[in-house]
Amino acid sequence: MKPLLALATSFALSCVAVNSALAAESPQALQTIQSLDVPRYMGTWFEVAKYPNRFQKQCVANTSAAYSLQKDGTVKVLNRCQLANRDMEEVEGQARQTGGLKSPKLEVRFAPAWLSWLPMVWGDYWVIDLDPEYQLVAVSEPKREFLWVLSRTQQVNPAKYEALLQRLKAKGFDLNKLELSPQVN
């Protein structure tokens, strides 16, 4: 009986150890900021850093996003970036809040308006970190596959940027994947 009890106890303890290891590897649900003042968020934001992604692979510098509130409550999105040949490319999209008026969760689409009824053309745009002055922000989505750090200015205070990076790390982001986005005149 004792060997069987020892085997069962050993098995139970190994299951607890495996479950604890899995829990440590999988990050908690991504938390957003408490609330977002959308009108205050409007204006131009410069990309400071991002996780590399397929839809920005042609961008080499000067990436920015300009947001403007529309009469219907949606947000016009104008993303711009400089290409290797020094031309500027831009794409226009639309964003909408999901949840209440102060919700930090938005959805964005760059597909044509006539496709907006399709759920798959909308991507999550969650504000996960924002300073009280609305000058430095981090945006992602629930799976943490995408990440952008944006600033109201082309140059960011190094101490504030480092503090933001530490908060992102605490939220489960891999900082080794983050690449800087050059802003040049």
Protein backbone atom coordinates (compact mmCIF):
# COMPACT_ATOMS: atom_id res chain seq x y z
CA MET A 1 0.00 0.00 0.00
CA LYS A 2 2.83 2.42 0.86
CA PRO A 3 4.49 2.10 -2.60
CA LEU A 4 1.13 2.76 -4.27
CA LEU A 5 0.52 5.81 -2.03
CA ALA A 6 4.03 7.08 -2.74
CA LEU A 7 3.49 6.62 -6.50
CA ALA A 8 0.13 8.43 -6.37
CA THR A 9 1.63 11.28 -4.32
CA SER A 10 4.57 11.55 -6.70
CA PHE A 11 2.22 11.64 -9.69
CA ALA A 12 0.03 14.31 -8.07
CA LEU A 13 3.04 16.46 -7.22
CA SER A 14 4.40 16.15 -10.78
CA CYS A 15 1.01 17.23 -12.18
CA VAL A 16 1.04 20.29 -9.89
CA ALA A 17 4.59 21.10 -11.04
CA VAL A 18 3.63 20.78 -14.73
CA ASN A 19 0.52 22.94 -14.27
CA SER A 20 2.54 25.56 -12.38
CA ALA A 21 5.14 25.63 -15.15
CA LEU A 22 2.44 26.02 -17.81
CA ALA A 23 0.77 28.81 -15.84
CA ALA A 24 4.11 30.61 -15.53
CA GLU A 25 4.68 30.36 -19.31
CA SER A 26 1.25 31.58 -20.40
CA PRO A 27 0.71 35.24 -19.57
CA GLN A 28 -2.41 36.49 -17.88
CA ALA A 29 -5.16 38.15 -19.88
CA LEU A 30 -3.94 41.44 -21.29
CA GLN A 31 -5.08 44.41 -19.24
CA THR A 32 -5.91 47.75 -20.82
CA ILE A 33 -5.84 51.16 -19.19
CA GLN A 34 -8.93 52.01 -17.12
CA SER A 35 -10.48 54.52 -19.51
CA LEU A 36 -9.67 56.45 -22.66
CA ASP A 37 -10.65 60.04 -23.43
CA VAL A 38 -11.01 59.56 -27.19
CA PRO A 39 -11.20 63.27 -28.13
CA ARG A 40 -7.98 63.90 -26.17
CA TYR A 41 -6.33 60.93 -27.94
CA MET A 42 -6.95 62.48 -31.37
CA GLY A 43 -4.08 64.02 -33.32
CA THR A 44 -0.75 62.78 -34.63
CA TRP A 45 1.27 60.03 -32.99
CA PHE A 46 4.78 59.02 -34.10
CA GLU A 47 5.82 55.38 -34.02
CA VAL A 48 8.71 54.86 -31.61
CA ALA A 49 8.90 51.06 -31.72
CA LYS A 50 6.88 48.06 -32.84
CA TYR A 51 6.78 44.32 -33.17
CA PRO A 52 7.68 43.62 -36.82
CA ASN A 53 4.62 42.78 -38.89
CA ARG A 54 3.81 41.94 -42.50
CA PHE A 55 1.79 45.07 -43.27
CA GLN A 56 4.61 47.46 -42.29
CA LYS A 57 7.58 45.59 -43.78
CA GLN A 58 8.00 48.21 -46.52
CA CYS A 59 8.26 51.07 -43.97
CA VAL A 60 11.81 52.21 -43.23
CA ALA A 61 11.29 55.49 -41.32
CA ASN A 62 8.95 58.29 -40.27
CA THR A 63 5.94 56.14 -39.44
CA SER A 64 3.02 58.03 -37.95
CA ALA A 65 -0.69 57.75 -37.31
CA ALA A 66 -3.13 60.65 -37.39
CA TYR A 67 -6.49 60.18 -35.69
CA SER A 68 -9.50 62.45 -36.16
CA LEU A 69 -12.94 62.10 -34.60
CA GLN A 70 -15.83 61.91 -37.07
CA LYS A 71 -19.39 63.18 -36.56
CA ASP A 72 -20.71 59.62 -36.28
CA GLY A 73 -18.36 58.88 -33.36
CA THR A 74 -15.91 56.79 -35.36
CA VAL A 75 -12.27 57.73 -35.81
CA LYS A 76 -10.57 58.39 -39.13
CA VAL A 77 -7.13 56.77 -39.14
CA LEU A 78 -4.37 57.93 -41.49
CA ASN A 79 -1.19 55.87 -41.24
CA ARG A 80 1.93 57.10 -43.06
CA CYS A 81 5.47 55.85 -43.48
CA GLN A 82 8.55 56.48 -45.57
CA LEU A 83 9.62 53.80 -48.06
CA ALA A 84 13.19 52.87 -49.01
CA ASN A 85 12.94 55.05 -52.15
CA ARG A 86 12.10 58.01 -49.81
CA ASP A 87 8.48 58.20 -51.02
CA MET A 88 5.77 58.44 -48.39
CA GLU A 89 3.03 55.81 -48.38
CA GLU A 90 -0.26 56.27 -46.61
CA VAL A 91 -3.31 54.18 -45.89
CA GLU A 92 -6.64 55.37 -44.54
CA GLY A 93 -8.77 53.39 -42.16
CA GLN A 94 -11.49 53.67 -39.58
CA ALA A 95 -11.63 52.86 -35.88
CA ARG A 96 -14.54 52.42 -33.53
CA GLN A 97 -14.78 51.94 -29.79
CA THR A 98 -16.07 48.68 -28.41
CA GLY A 99 -17.76 49.05 -25.06
CA GLY A 100 -18.72 52.34 -23.44
CA LEU A 101 -17.70 55.92 -24.19
CA LYS A 102 -14.50 55.65 -22.11
CA SER A 103 -13.51 52.19 -23.32
CA PRO A 104 -9.80 51.79 -24.16
CA LYS A 105 -10.71 48.97 -26.55
CA LEU A 106 -11.14 49.89 -30.18
CA GLU A 107 -11.34 48.03 -33.45
CA VAL A 108 -9.68 49.30 -36.61
CA ARG A 109 -10.08 48.39 -40.26
CA PHE A 110 -8.24 49.34 -43.43
CA ALA A 111 -10.46 47.34 -45.78
CA PRO A 112 -12.95 49.25 -47.95
CA ALA A 113 -16.06 50.56 -46.19
CA TRP A 114 -18.35 48.22 -48.12
CA LEU A 115 -16.61 45.30 -46.36
CA SER A 116 -17.03 46.76 -42.87
CA TRP A 117 -19.91 44.40 -42.09
CA LEU A 118 -17.44 41.48 -42.08
CA PRO A 119 -16.03 40.86 -38.57
CA MET A 120 -12.71 39.62 -39.99
CA VAL A 121 -11.78 43.04 -41.45
CA TRP A 122 -11.70 44.59 -37.97
CA GLY A 123 -8.60 44.21 -35.81
CA ASP A 124 -8.30 44.87 -32.10
CA TYR A 125 -6.60 48.13 -31.05
CA TRP A 126 -6.27 48.11 -27.27
CA VAL A 127 -4.66 50.96 -25.40
CA ILE A 128 -2.65 49.09 -22.77
CA ASP A 129 -0.46 51.90 -21.39
CA LEU A 130 -0.90 55.66 -21.58
CA ASP A 131 0.74 58.40 -19.56
CA PRO A 132 -1.54 60.95 -17.85
CA GLU A 133 -0.43 63.69 -20.28
CA TYR A 134 -1.42 61.59 -23.35
CA GLN A 135 2.11 61.83 -24.72
CA LEU A 136 3.34 58.20 -24.76
CA VAL A 137 1.17 55.17 -25.45
CA ALA A 138 1.43 51.42 -26.01
CA VAL A 139 -1.15 49.66 -28.17
CA SER A 140 -1.65 45.94 -28.64
CA GLU A 141 -4.32 43.24 -28.89
CA PRO A 142 -5.38 40.30 -26.68
CA LYS A 143 -2.89 37.75 -28.08
CA ARG A 144 0.12 40.12 -27.78
CA GLU A 145 1.11 39.35 -31.39
CA PHE A 146 1.22 43.04 -32.26
CA LEU A 147 2.66 45.92 -30.27
CA TRP A 148 3.23 49.58 -31.04
CA VAL A 149 4.77 52.31 -28.91
CA LEU A 150 3.68 55.76 -30.07
CA SER A 151 4.61 59.27 -28.98
CA ARG A 152 3.30 62.77 -29.64
CA THR A 153 6.87 63.78 -30.47
CA GLN A 154 9.46 62.21 -32.76
CA GLN A 155 11.95 61.90 -29.89
CA VAL A 156 11.05 60.31 -26.56
CA ASN A 157 12.47 60.95 -23.11
CA PRO A 158 14.73 57.89 -22.52
CA ALA A 159 13.70 57.50 -18.87
CA LYS A 160 9.98 57.54 -19.71
CA TYR A 161 10.55 55.07 -22.56
CA GLU A 162 12.52 52.71 -20.30
CA ALA A 163 9.79 52.88 -17.64
CA LEU A 164 7.19 52.02 -20.30
CA LEU A 165 9.30 49.06 -21.45
CA GLN A 166 9.40 47.71 -17.91
CA ARG A 167 5.61 47.97 -17.63
CA LEU A 168 5.26 46.14 -20.98
CA LYS A 169 7.60 43.41 -19.75
CA ALA A 170 5.44 43.03 -16.64
CA LYS A 171 2.42 42.60 -18.95
CA GLY A 172 4.10 39.65 -20.64
CA PHE A 173 5.62 41.27 -23.73
CA ASP A 174 8.90 40.00 -25.16
CA LEU A 175 11.05 43.13 -25.39
CA ASN A 176 13.57 41.29 -27.59
CA LYS A 177 10.98 41.33 -30.40
CA LEU A 178 10.56 45.10 -30.19
CA GLU A 179 12.29 47.06 -32.95
CA LEU A 180 12.91 50.81 -32.95
CA SER A 181 11.23 52.90 -35.64
CA PRO A 182 13.50 55.64 -36.99
CA GLN A 183 12.11 59.17 -37.04
CA VAL A 184 14.30 61.38 -39.24
CA ASN A 185 13.73 64.82 -40.71
